[in-house]
């Protein structure tokens, strides 16, 4: 069994970095670590705001920040970027069991 970051550490770090990116609407966790299994990476889905016309620039920034955060925690994040429209179509195998890690408040959006 891996010892590593707790869900609260992951959530706090993601909240901190996503809050500074207004294009990020939500971040969800999925995969082994969120099912309490042994893991080799942390799978997350980042959902971009419907008002975000170009997702590549904020995705690139998010990826850089989450990579640095992963180095601090000693883990690797595997990031799946999704537009809001894509997210609504539930494209992930685990779409029905995602763990909410960050949600931008409507008043912030």
PDB file of N, CA and C in Angstrom:
ATOM      1  N   UNK A   1       0.841  -1.185   0.000  1.00  0.00           N
ATOM      2  CA  UNK A   1       0.000   0.000   0.000  1.00  0.00           C
ATOM      3  C   UNK A   1       0.885   1.247   0.000  1.00  0.00           C
ATOM      4  N   UNK A   2       0.524   2.201  -0.822  1.00  0.00           N
ATOM      5  CA  UNK A   2       1.288   3.444  -0.892  1.00  0.00           C
ATOM      6  C   UNK A   2       0.960   4.343   0.285  1.00  0.00           C
ATOM      7  N   UNK A   3       1.981   4.976   0.803  1.00  0.00           N
ATOM      8  CA  UNK A   3       1.737   6.048   1.748  1.00  0.00           C
ATOM      9  C   UNK A   3       1.986   7.320   0.959  1.00  0.00           C
ATOM     10  N   UNK A   4       1.186   8.280   1.177  1.00  0.00           N
ATOM     11  CA  UNK A   4       1.319   9.494   0.389  1.00  0.00           C
ATOM     12  C   UNK A   4       0.359  10.550   0.878  1.00  0.00           C
ATOM     13  N   UNK A   5       0.008  11.449  -0.006  1.00  0.00           N
ATOM     14  CA  UNK A   5      -0.839  12.573   0.406  1.00  0.00           C
ATOM     15  C   UNK A   5      -2.251  12.123   0.770  1.00  0.00           C
ATOM     16  N   UNK A   6      -2.843  12.871   1.665  1.00  0.00           N
ATOM     17  CA  UNK A   6      -4.227  12.619   2.032  1.00  0.00           C
ATOM     18  C   UNK A   6      -5.153  13.364   1.067  1.00  0.00           C
ATOM     19  N   UNK A   7      -6.393  12.965   1.065  1.00  0.00           N
ATOM     20  CA  UNK A   7      -7.371  13.643   0.209  1.00  0.00           C
ATOM     21  C   UNK A   7      -7.457  15.123   0.578  1.00  0.00           C
ATOM     22  N   UNK A   8      -7.380  15.446   1.854  1.00  0.00           N
ATOM     23  CA  UNK A   8      -7.479  16.853   2.257  1.00  0.00           C
ATOM     24  C   UNK A   8      -6.277  17.653   1.766  1.00  0.00           C
ATOM     25  N   UNK A   9      -5.084  17.052   1.743  1.00  0.00           N
ATOM     26  CA  UNK A   9      -3.912  17.744   1.195  1.00  0.00           C
ATOM     27  C   UNK A   9      -4.074  17.982  -0.306  1.00  0.00           C
ATOM     28  N   UNK A  10      -4.567  16.974  -1.000  1.00  0.00           N
ATOM     29  CA  UNK A  10      -4.786  17.094  -2.446  1.00  0.00           C
ATOM     30  C   UNK A  10      -5.825  18.177  -2.722  1.00  0.00           C
ATOM     31  N   UNK A  11      -6.924  18.121  -1.999  1.00  0.00           N
ATOM     32  CA  UNK A  11      -8.014  19.086  -2.181  1.00  0.00           C
ATOM     33  C   UNK A  11      -7.551  20.510  -1.883  1.00  0.00           C
ATOM     34  N   UNK A  12      -6.819  20.701  -0.813  1.00  0.00           N
ATOM     35  CA  UNK A  12      -6.349  22.038  -0.447  1.00  0.00           C
ATOM     36  C   UNK A  12      -5.400  22.593  -1.505  1.00  0.00           C
ATOM     37  N   UNK A  13      -4.476  21.780  -1.971  1.00  0.00           N
ATOM     38  CA  UNK A  13      -3.534  22.235  -2.990  1.00  0.00           C
ATOM     39  C   UNK A  13      -4.209  22.561  -4.308  1.00  0.00           C
ATOM     40  N   UNK A  14      -5.141  21.702  -4.726  1.00  0.00           N
ATOM     41  CA  UNK A  14      -5.858  21.945  -5.977  1.00  0.00           C
ATOM     42  C   UNK A  14      -6.732  23.182  -5.859  1.00  0.00           C
ATOM     43  N   UNK A  15      -7.389  23.360  -4.733  1.00  0.00           N
ATOM     44  CA  UNK A  15      -8.205  24.556  -4.518  1.00  0.00           C
ATOM     45  C   UNK A  15      -7.340  25.799  -4.620  1.00  0.00           C
ATOM     46  N   UNK A  16      -6.183  25.766  -4.010  1.00  0.00           N
ATOM     47  CA  UNK A  16      -5.279  26.909  -4.033  1.00  0.00           C
ATOM     48  C   UNK A  16      -4.863  27.278  -5.458  1.00  0.00           C
ATOM     49  N   UNK A  17      -4.479  26.296  -6.246  1.00  0.00           N
ATOM     50  CA  UNK A  17      -4.014  26.629  -7.598  1.00  0.00           C
ATOM     51  C   UNK A  17      -5.163  26.894  -8.568  1.00  0.00           C
ATOM     52  N   UNK A  18      -6.276  26.178  -8.450  1.00  0.00           N
ATOM     53  CA  UNK A  18      -7.410  26.381  -9.367  1.00  0.00           C
ATOM     54  C   UNK A  18      -8.109  27.713  -9.109  1.00  0.00           C
ATOM     55  N   UNK A  19      -8.113  28.137  -7.864  1.00  0.00           N
ATOM     56  CA  UNK A  19      -8.770  29.404  -7.524  1.00  0.00           C
ATOM     57  C   UNK A  19      -8.145  30.575  -8.282  1.00  0.00           C
ATOM     58  N   UNK A  20      -6.864  30.483  -8.569  1.00  0.00           N
ATOM     59  CA  UNK A  20      -6.170  31.540  -9.294  1.00  0.00           C
ATOM     60  C   UNK A  20      -6.361  31.484 -10.806  1.00  0.00           C
ATOM     61  N   UNK A  21      -7.066  30.484 -11.295  1.00  0.00           N
ATOM     62  CA  UNK A  21      -7.324  30.340 -12.731  1.00  0.00           C
ATOM     63  C   UNK A  21      -8.831  30.435 -12.970  1.00  0.00           C
ATOM     64  N   UNK A  22      -9.340  31.614 -13.328  1.00  0.00           N
ATOM     65  CA  UNK A  22     -10.788  31.784 -13.470  1.00  0.00           C
ATOM     66  C   UNK A  22     -11.414  30.901 -14.545  1.00  0.00           C
ATOM     67  N   UNK A  23     -10.623  30.368 -15.458  1.00  0.00           N
ATOM     68  CA  UNK A  23     -11.149  29.493 -16.507  1.00  0.00           C
ATOM     69  C   UNK A  23     -11.513  28.104 -15.977  1.00  0.00           C
ATOM     70  N   UNK A  24     -10.982  27.739 -14.816  1.00  0.00           N
ATOM     71  CA  UNK A  24     -11.254  26.423 -14.241  1.00  0.00           C
ATOM     72  C   UNK A  24     -12.567  26.474 -13.472  1.00  0.00           C
ATOM     73  N   UNK A  25     -13.510  25.660 -13.919  1.00  0.00           N
ATOM     74  CA  UNK A  25     -14.819  25.592 -13.269  1.00  0.00           C
ATOM     75  C   UNK A  25     -14.815  24.580 -12.121  1.00  0.00           C
ATOM     76  N   UNK A  26     -14.188  23.417 -12.356  1.00  0.00           N
ATOM     77  CA  UNK A  26     -14.198  22.362 -11.351  1.00  0.00           C
ATOM     78  C   UNK A  26     -13.029  21.412 -11.582  1.00  0.00           C
ATOM     79  N   UNK A  27     -12.672  20.703 -10.512  1.00  0.00           N
ATOM     80  CA  UNK A  27     -11.662  19.658 -10.598  1.00  0.00           C
ATOM     81  C   UNK A  27     -12.211  18.454  -9.842  1.00  0.00           C
ATOM     82  N   UNK A  28     -12.124  17.289 -10.478  1.00  0.00           N
ATOM     83  CA  UNK A  28     -12.619  16.043  -9.901  1.00  0.00           C
ATOM     84  C   UNK A  28     -11.492  15.026  -9.843  1.00  0.00           C
ATOM     85  N   UNK A  29     -11.533  14.204  -8.822  1.00  0.00           N
ATOM     86  CA  UNK A  29     -10.597  13.101  -8.704  1.00  0.00           C
ATOM     87  C   UNK A  29     -11.283  11.803  -9.077  1.00  0.00           C
ATOM     88  N   UNK A  30     -10.492  10.873  -9.570  1.00  0.00           N
ATOM     89  CA  UNK A  30     -11.013   9.538  -9.867  1.00  0.00           C
ATOM     90  C   UNK A  30      -9.845   8.559  -9.865  1.00  0.00           C
ATOM     91  N   UNK A  31     -10.144   7.306  -9.970  1.00  0.00           N
ATOM     92  CA  UNK A  31      -9.078   6.313 -10.026  1.00  0.00           C
ATOM     93  C   UNK A  31      -8.758   5.696  -8.677  1.00  0.00           C
ATOM     94  N   UNK A  32      -7.644   4.981  -8.678  1.00  0.00           N
ATOM     95  CA  UNK A  32      -7.265   4.128  -7.547  1.00  0.00           C
ATOM     96  C   UNK A  32      -7.207   4.839  -6.205  1.00  0.00           C
ATOM     97  N   UNK A  33      -6.551   5.976  -6.152  1.00  0.00           N
ATOM     98  CA  UNK A  33      -6.373   6.642  -4.853  1.00  0.00           C
ATOM     99  C   UNK A  33      -7.711   7.021  -4.220  1.00  0.00           C
ATOM    100  N   UNK A  34      -8.710   7.347  -5.054  1.00  0.00           N
ATOM    101  CA  UNK A  34     -10.009   7.752  -4.529  1.00  0.00           C
ATOM    102  C   UNK A  34     -10.909   6.551  -4.231  1.00  0.00           C
ATOM    103  N   UNK A  35     -10.439   5.370  -4.590  1.00  0.00           N
ATOM    104  CA  UNK A  35     -11.141   4.135  -4.221  1.00  0.00           C
ATOM    105  C   UNK A  35     -10.378   3.411  -3.105  1.00  0.00           C
ATOM    106  N   UNK A  36      -9.377   4.097  -2.542  1.00  0.00           N
ATOM    107  CA  UNK A  36      -8.556   3.565  -1.442  1.00  0.00           C
ATOM    108  C   UNK A  36      -7.762   2.339  -1.851  1.00  0.00           C
ATOM    109  N   UNK A  37      -7.291   2.314  -3.093  1.00  0.00           N
ATOM    110  CA  UNK A  37      -6.424   1.243  -3.578  1.00  0.00           C
ATOM    111  C   UNK A  37      -5.009   1.773  -3.734  1.00  0.00           C
ATOM    112  N   UNK A  38      -4.094   0.864  -3.930  1.00  0.00           N
ATOM    113  CA  UNK A  38      -2.723   1.238  -4.232  1.00  0.00           C
ATOM    114  C   UNK A  38      -2.733   2.014  -5.554  1.00  0.00           C
ATOM    115  N   UNK A  39      -1.866   3.005  -5.665  1.00  0.00           N
ATOM    116  CA  UNK A  39      -1.881   3.866  -6.846  1.00  0.00           C
ATOM    117  C   UNK A  39      -0.469   4.205  -7.288  1.00  0.00           C
ATOM    118  N   UNK A  40      -0.351   4.542  -8.561  1.00  0.00           N
ATOM    119  CA  UNK A  40       0.942   4.981  -9.081  1.00  0.00           C
ATOM    120  C   UNK A  40       0.905   6.451  -9.478  1.00  0.00           C
ATOM    121  N   UNK A  41      -0.304   6.983  -9.629  1.00  0.00           N
ATOM    122  CA  UNK A  41      -0.479   8.403  -9.929  1.00  0.00           C
ATOM    123  C   UNK A  41      -1.842   8.835  -9.407  1.00  0.00           C
ATOM    124  N   UNK A  42      -2.113  10.117  -9.505  1.00  0.00           N
ATOM    125  CA  UNK A  42      -3.402  10.650  -9.066  1.00  0.00           C
ATOM    126  C   UNK A  42      -4.122  11.175 -10.301  1.00  0.00           C
ATOM    127  N   UNK A  43      -5.248  10.558 -10.611  1.00  0.00           N
ATOM    128  CA  UNK A  43      -6.036  10.946 -11.777  1.00  0.00           C
ATOM    129  C   UNK A  43      -7.011  12.055 -11.408  1.00  0.00           C
ATOM    130  N   UNK A  44      -6.962  13.132 -12.185  1.00  0.00           N
ATOM    131  CA  UNK A  44      -7.908  14.223 -11.981  1.00  0.00           C
ATOM    132  C   UNK A  44      -8.458  14.681 -13.326  1.00  0.00           C
ATOM    133  N   UNK A  45      -9.665  15.194 -13.290  1.00  0.00           N
ATOM    134  CA  UNK A  45     -10.292  15.807 -14.464  1.00  0.00           C
ATOM    135  C   UNK A  45     -10.482  17.279 -14.147  1.00  0.00           C
ATOM    136  N   UNK A  46      -9.997  18.137 -15.026  1.00  0.00           N
ATOM    137  CA  UNK A  46     -10.192  19.576 -14.858  1.00  0.00           C
ATOM    138  C   UNK A  46     -11.222  20.015 -15.891  1.00  0.00           C
ATOM    139  N   UNK A  47     -12.266  20.689 -15.402  1.00  0.00           N
ATOM    140  CA  UNK A  47     -13.367  21.128 -16.253  1.00  0.00           C
ATOM    141  C   UNK A  47     -13.273  22.637 -16.409  1.00  0.00           C
ATOM    142  N   UNK A  48     -13.279  23.085 -17.667  1.00  0.00           N
ATOM    143  CA  UNK A  48     -13.152  24.503 -17.950  1.00  0.00           C
ATOM    144  C   UNK A  48     -14.515  25.164 -18.088  1.00  0.00           C
ATOM    145  N   UNK A  49     -14.589  26.404 -17.696  1.00  0.00           N
ATOM    146  CA  UNK A  49     -15.811  27.194 -17.728  1.00  0.00           C
ATOM    147  C   UNK A  49     -16.385  27.243 -19.139  1.00  0.00           C
ATOM    148  N   UNK A  50     -17.714  27.276 -19.265  1.00  0.00           N
ATOM    149  CA  UNK A  50     -18.316  27.404 -20.602  1.00  0.00           C
ATOM    150  C   UNK A  50     -17.911  28.707 -21.292  1.00  0.00           C
ATOM    151  N   UNK A  51     -17.496  29.699 -20.510  1.00  0.00           N
ATOM    152  CA  UNK A  51     -17.064  30.986 -21.088  1.00  0.00           C
ATOM    153  C   UNK A  51     -15.612  30.968 -21.557  1.00  0.00           C
ATOM    154  N   UNK A  52     -14.928  29.862 -21.343  1.00  0.00           N
ATOM    155  CA  UNK A  52     -13.526  29.741 -21.739  1.00  0.00           C
ATOM    156  C   UNK A  52     -13.471  29.297 -23.204  1.00  0.00           C
ATOM    157  N   UNK A  53     -13.165  30.243 -24.086  1.00  0.00           N
ATOM    158  CA  UNK A  53     -13.147  29.956 -25.522  1.00  0.00           C
ATOM    159  C   UNK A  53     -11.939  29.121 -25.929  1.00  0.00           C
ATOM    160  N   UNK A  54     -10.806  29.365 -25.318  1.00  0.00           N
ATOM    161  CA  UNK A  54      -9.565  28.650 -25.625  1.00  0.00           C
ATOM    162  C   UNK A  54      -9.086  27.934 -24.371  1.00  0.00           C
ATOM    163  N   UNK A  55      -9.169  26.616 -24.353  1.00  0.00           N
ATOM    164  CA  UNK A  55      -8.776  25.875 -23.149  1.00  0.00           C
ATOM    165  C   UNK A  55      -7.278  25.565 -23.077  1.00  0.00           C
ATOM    166  N   UNK A  56      -6.581  25.606 -24.202  1.00  0.00           N
ATOM    167  CA  UNK A  56      -5.167  25.235 -24.186  1.00  0.00           C
ATOM    168  C   UNK A  56      -4.310  26.132 -23.292  1.00  0.00           C
ATOM    169  N   UNK A  57      -4.418  27.468 -23.378  1.00  0.00           N
ATOM    170  CA  UNK A  57      -3.578  28.294 -22.494  1.00  0.00           C
ATOM    171  C   UNK A  57      -3.813  28.039 -21.000  1.00  0.00           C
ATOM    172  N   UNK A  58      -5.067  28.016 -20.509  1.00  0.00           N
ATOM    173  CA  UNK A  58      -5.226  27.739 -19.078  1.00  0.00           C
ATOM    174  C   UNK A  58      -4.872  26.301 -18.707  1.00  0.00           C
ATOM    175  N   UNK A  59      -5.077  25.372 -19.636  1.00  0.00           N
ATOM    176  CA  UNK A  59      -4.683  23.980 -19.381  1.00  0.00           C
ATOM    177  C   UNK A  59      -3.171  23.885 -19.196  1.00  0.00           C
ATOM    178  N   UNK A  60      -2.431  24.565 -20.040  1.00  0.00           N
ATOM    179  CA  UNK A  60      -0.975  24.558 -19.956  1.00  0.00           C
ATOM    180  C   UNK A  60      -0.512  25.114 -18.619  1.00  0.00           C
ATOM    181  N   UNK A  61      -1.133  26.196 -18.181  1.00  0.00           N
ATOM    182  CA  UNK A  61      -0.793  26.785 -16.878  1.00  0.00           C
ATOM    183  C   UNK A  61      -1.147  25.820 -15.749  1.00  0.00           C
ATOM    184  N   UNK A  62      -2.359  25.257 -15.807  1.00  0.00           N
ATOM    185  CA  UNK A  62      -2.802  24.313 -14.784  1.00  0.00           C
ATOM    186  C   UNK A  62      -1.852  23.120 -14.714  1.00  0.00           C
ATOM    187  N   UNK A  63      -1.482  22.596 -15.875  1.00  0.00           N
ATOM    188  CA  UNK A  63      -0.587  21.441 -15.927  1.00  0.00           C
ATOM    189  C   UNK A  63       0.766  21.757 -15.284  1.00  0.00           C
ATOM    190  N   UNK A  64       1.298  22.930 -15.552  1.00  0.00           N
ATOM    191  CA  UNK A  64       2.570  23.335 -14.945  1.00  0.00           C
ATOM    192  C   UNK A  64       2.431  23.423 -13.423  1.00  0.00           C
ATOM    193  N   UNK A  65       1.345  24.044 -12.957  1.00  0.00           N
ATOM    194  CA  UNK A  65       1.135  24.204 -11.515  1.00  0.00           C
ATOM    195  C   UNK A  65       0.901  22.874 -10.814  1.00  0.00           C
ATOM    196  N   UNK A  66       0.107  22.002 -11.432  1.00  0.00           N
ATOM    197  CA  UNK A  66      -0.191  20.717 -10.790  1.00  0.00           C
ATOM    198  C   UNK A  66       1.046  19.815 -10.791  1.00  0.00           C
ATOM    199  N   UNK A  67       1.903  19.961 -11.799  1.00  0.00           N
ATOM    200  CA  UNK A  67       3.156  19.204 -11.827  1.00  0.00           C
ATOM    201  C   UNK A  67       4.059  19.639 -10.678  1.00  0.00           C
ATOM    202  N   UNK A  68       4.145  20.945 -10.464  1.00  0.00           N
ATOM    203  CA  UNK A  68       4.946  21.458  -9.338  1.00  0.00           C
ATOM    204  C   UNK A  68       4.365  21.010  -8.002  1.00  0.00           C
ATOM    205  N   UNK A  69       3.050  21.054  -7.884  1.00  0.00           N
ATOM    206  CA  UNK A  69       2.384  20.603  -6.663  1.00  0.00           C
ATOM    207  C   UNK A  69       2.656  19.118  -6.440  1.00  0.00           C
ATOM    208  N   UNK A  70       2.619  18.332  -7.504  1.00  0.00           N
ATOM    209  CA  UNK A  70       2.913  16.908  -7.407  1.00  0.00           C
ATOM    210  C   UNK A  70       4.323  16.646  -6.897  1.00  0.00           C
ATOM    211  N   UNK A  71       5.271  17.467  -7.330  1.00  0.00           N
ATOM    212  CA  UNK A  71       6.651  17.320  -6.855  1.00  0.00           C
ATOM    213  C   UNK A  71       6.732  17.554  -5.354  1.00  0.00           C
ATOM    214  N   UNK A  72       5.976  18.526  -4.859  1.00  0.00           N
ATOM    215  CA  UNK A  72       5.946  18.813  -3.420  1.00  0.00           C
ATOM    216  C   UNK A  72       5.381  17.618  -2.658  1.00  0.00           C
ATOM    217  N   UNK A  73       4.321  17.004  -3.211  1.00  0.00           N
ATOM    218  CA  UNK A  73       3.692  15.860  -2.548  1.00  0.00           C
ATOM    219  C   UNK A  73       4.423  14.548  -2.799  1.00  0.00           C
ATOM    220  N   UNK A  74       5.270  14.530  -3.819  1.00  0.00           N
ATOM    221  CA  UNK A  74       5.959  13.293  -4.171  1.00  0.00           C
ATOM    222  C   UNK A  74       5.103  12.340  -4.984  1.00  0.00           C
ATOM    223  N   UNK A  75       4.170  12.882  -5.766  1.00  0.00           N
ATOM    224  CA  UNK A  75       3.287  12.065  -6.611  1.00  0.00           C
ATOM    225  C   UNK A  75       3.196  12.689  -8.006  1.00  0.00           C
ATOM    226  N   UNK A  76       2.679  11.910  -8.938  1.00  0.00           N
ATOM    227  CA  UNK A  76       2.454  12.412 -10.288  1.00  0.00           C
ATOM    228  C   UNK A  76       0.950  12.509 -10.519  1.00  0.00           C
ATOM    229  N   UNK A  77       0.525  13.621 -11.086  1.00  0.00           N
ATOM    230  CA  UNK A  77      -0.874  13.805 -11.447  1.00  0.00           C
ATOM    231  C   UNK A  77      -1.062  13.491 -12.921  1.00  0.00           C
ATOM    232  N   UNK A  78      -2.112  12.766 -13.224  1.00  0.00           N
ATOM    233  CA  UNK A  78      -2.510  12.501 -14.600  1.00  0.00           C
ATOM    234  C   UNK A  78      -3.778  13.322 -14.827  1.00  0.00           C
ATOM    235  N   UNK A  79      -3.682  14.331 -15.689  1.00  0.00           N
ATOM    236  CA  UNK A  79      -4.756  15.315 -15.849  1.00  0.00           C
ATOM    237  C   UNK A  79      -5.532  15.075 -17.141  1.00  0.00           C
ATOM    238  N   UNK A  80      -6.849  14.993 -17.013  1.00  0.00           N
ATOM    239  CA  UNK A  80      -7.742  14.900 -18.158  1.00  0.00           C
ATOM    240  C   UNK A  80      -8.482  16.228 -18.272  1.00  0.00           C
ATOM    241  N   UNK A  81      -8.215  17.012 -19.328  1.00  0.00           N
ATOM    242  CA  UNK A  81      -8.914  18.285 -19.494  1.00  0.00           C
ATOM    243  C   UNK A  81     -10.245  18.069 -20.218  1.00  0.00           C
ATOM    244  N   UNK A  82     -11.271  18.777 -19.763  1.00  0.00           N
ATOM    245  CA  UNK A  82     -12.594  18.677 -20.381  1.00  0.00           C
ATOM    246  C   UNK A  82     -13.242  20.051 -20.460  1.00  0.00           C
ATOM    247  N   UNK A  83     -13.880  20.318 -21.584  1.00  0.00           N
ATOM    248  CA  UNK A  83     -14.725  21.507 -21.634  1.00  0.00           C
ATOM    249  C   UNK A  83     -15.970  21.208 -20.823  1.00  0.00           C
ATOM    250  N   UNK A  84     -16.720  22.224 -20.476  1.00  0.00           N
ATOM    251  CA  UNK A  84     -17.955  22.013 -19.728  1.00  0.00           C
ATOM    252  C   UNK A  84     -18.920  21.129 -20.523  1.00  0.00           C
ATOM    253  N   UNK A  85     -18.987  21.361 -21.811  1.00  0.00           N
ATOM    254  CA  UNK A  85     -19.876  20.559 -22.675  1.00  0.00           C
ATOM    255  C   UNK A  85     -19.449  19.089 -22.677  1.00  0.00           C
ATOM    256  N   UNK A  86     -18.149  18.844 -22.812  1.00  0.00           N
ATOM    257  CA  UNK A  86     -17.655  17.464 -22.775  1.00  0.00           C
ATOM    258  C   UNK A  86     -17.985  16.808 -21.441  1.00  0.00           C
ATOM    259  N   UNK A  87     -17.787  17.551 -20.359  1.00  0.00           N
ATOM    260  CA  UNK A  87     -18.049  17.006 -19.026  1.00  0.00           C
ATOM    261  C   UNK A  87     -19.514  16.601 -18.878  1.00  0.00           C
ATOM    262  N   UNK A  88     -20.426  17.398 -19.406  1.00  0.00           N
ATOM    263  CA  UNK A  88     -21.859  17.100 -19.307  1.00  0.00           C
ATOM    264  C   UNK A  88     -22.223  15.796 -20.018  1.00  0.00           C
ATOM    265  N   UNK A  89     -21.416  15.388 -20.982  1.00  0.00           N
ATOM    266  CA  UNK A  89     -21.672  14.148 -21.733  1.00  0.00           C
ATOM    267  C   UNK A  89     -21.132  12.907 -21.027  1.00  0.00           C
ATOM    268  N   UNK A  90     -20.525  13.092 -19.866  1.00  0.00           N
ATOM    269  CA  UNK A  90     -19.984  12.000 -19.040  1.00  0.00           C
ATOM    270  C   UNK A  90     -19.074  11.067 -19.839  1.00  0.00           C
ATOM    271  N   UNK A  91     -17.953  11.580 -20.328  1.00  0.00           N
ATOM    272  CA  UNK A  91     -17.079  10.774 -21.173  1.00  0.00           C
ATOM    273  C   UNK A  91     -16.163   9.796 -20.432  1.00  0.00           C
ATOM    274  N   UNK A  92     -16.032   9.954 -19.139  1.00  0.00           N
ATOM    275  CA  UNK A  92     -15.096   9.110 -18.388  1.00  0.00           C
ATOM    276  C   UNK A  92     -15.775   7.828 -17.914  1.00  0.00           C
ATOM    277  N   UNK A  93     -15.032   6.742 -17.895  1.00  0.00           N
ATOM    278  CA  UNK A  93     -15.549   5.481 -17.371  1.00  0.00           C
ATOM    279  C   UNK A  93     -16.095   5.652 -15.956  1.00  0.00           C
ATOM    280  N   UNK A  94     -15.436   6.484 -15.179  1.00  0.00           N
ATOM    281  CA  UNK A  94     -15.828   6.686 -13.787  1.00  0.00           C
ATOM    282  C   UNK A  94     -16.666   7.955 -13.595  1.00  0.00           C
ATOM    283  N   UNK A  95     -17.318   8.423 -14.633  1.00  0.00           N
ATOM    284  CA  UNK A  95     -18.085   9.678 -14.551  1.00  0.00           C
ATOM    285  C   UNK A  95     -19.096   9.695 -13.411  1.00  0.00           C
ATOM    286  N   UNK A  96     -19.661   8.538 -13.090  1.00  0.00           N
ATOM    287  CA  UNK A  96     -20.676   8.494 -12.041  1.00  0.00           C
ATOM    288  C   UNK A  96     -20.098   8.380 -10.633  1.00  0.00           C
ATOM    289  N   UNK A  97     -18.781   8.281 -10.527  1.00  0.00           N
ATOM    290  CA  UNK A  97     -18.180   8.158  -9.198  1.00  0.00           C
ATOM    291  C   UNK A  97     -17.018   9.138  -9.003  1.00  0.00           C
ATOM    292  N   UNK A  98     -17.085  10.280  -9.671  1.00  0.00           N
ATOM    293  CA  UNK A  98     -16.045  11.297  -9.523  1.00  0.00           C
ATOM    294  C   UNK A  98     -16.092  11.907  -8.122  1.00  0.00           C
ATOM    295  N   UNK A  99     -14.938  12.301  -7.630  1.00  0.00           N
ATOM    296  CA  UNK A  99     -14.829  12.927  -6.319  1.00  0.00           C
ATOM    297  C   UNK A  99     -14.550  14.413  -6.541  1.00  0.00           C
ATOM    298  N   UNK A 100     -15.464  15.254  -6.103  1.00  0.00           N
ATOM    299  CA  UNK A 100     -15.297  16.695  -6.271  1.00  0.00           C
ATOM    300  C   UNK A 100     -14.165  17.195  -5.384  1.00  0.00           C
ATOM    301  N   UNK A 101     -13.174  17.832  -6.013  1.00  0.00           N
ATOM    302  CA  UNK A 101     -12.042  18.392  -5.279  1.00  0.00           C
ATOM    303  C   UNK A 101     -12.076  19.908  -5.255  1.00  0.00           C
ATOM    304  N   UNK A 102     -12.692  20.505  -6.271  1.00  0.00           N
ATOM    305  CA  UNK A 102     -12.782  21.970  -6.350  1.00  0.00           C
ATOM    306  C   UNK A 102     -13.968  22.328  -7.224  1.00  0.00           C
ATOM    307  N   UNK A 103     -14.733  23.319  -6.793  1.00  0.00           N
ATOM    308  CA  UNK A 103     -15.833  23.861  -7.583  1.00  0.00           C
ATOM    309  C   UNK A 103     -15.851  25.366  -7.398  1.00  0.00           C
ATOM    310  N   UNK A 104     -15.700  26.067  -8.500  1.00  0.00           N
ATOM    311  CA  UNK A 104     -15.745  27.533  -8.449  1.00  0.00           C
ATOM    312  C   UNK A 104     -17.177  27.952  -8.110  1.00  0.00           C
ATOM    313  N   UNK A 105     -17.297  28.800  -7.135  1.00  0.00           N
ATOM    314  CA  UNK A 105     -18.611  29.307  -6.758  1.00  0.00           C
ATOM    315  C   UNK A 105     -19.197  30.114  -7.898  1.00  0.00           C
ATOM    316  N   UNK A 106     -20.488  30.039  -8.078  1.00  0.00           N
ATOM    317  CA  UNK A 106     -21.157  30.766  -9.166  1.00  0.00           C
ATOM    318  C   UNK A 106     -20.870  32.274  -9.111  1.00  0.00           C
ATOM    319  N   UNK A 107     -20.760  32.808  -7.908  1.00  0.00           N
ATOM    320  CA  UNK A 107     -20.513  34.237  -7.765  1.00  0.00           C
ATOM    321  C   UNK A 107     -19.111  34.616  -8.240  1.00  0.00           C
ATOM    322  N   UNK A 108     -18.198  33.630  -8.280  1.00  0.00           N
ATOM    323  CA  UNK A 108     -16.829  33.887  -8.737  1.00  0.00           C
ATOM    324  C   UNK A 108     -16.720  33.772 -10.247  1.00  0.00           C
ATOM    325  N   UNK A 109     -17.573  32.992 -10.865  1.00  0.00           N
ATOM    326  CA  UNK A 109     -17.447  32.683 -12.287  1.00  0.00           C
ATOM    327  C   UNK A 109     -17.720  33.850 -13.193  1.00  0.00           C
TER     328      UNK A 109
END
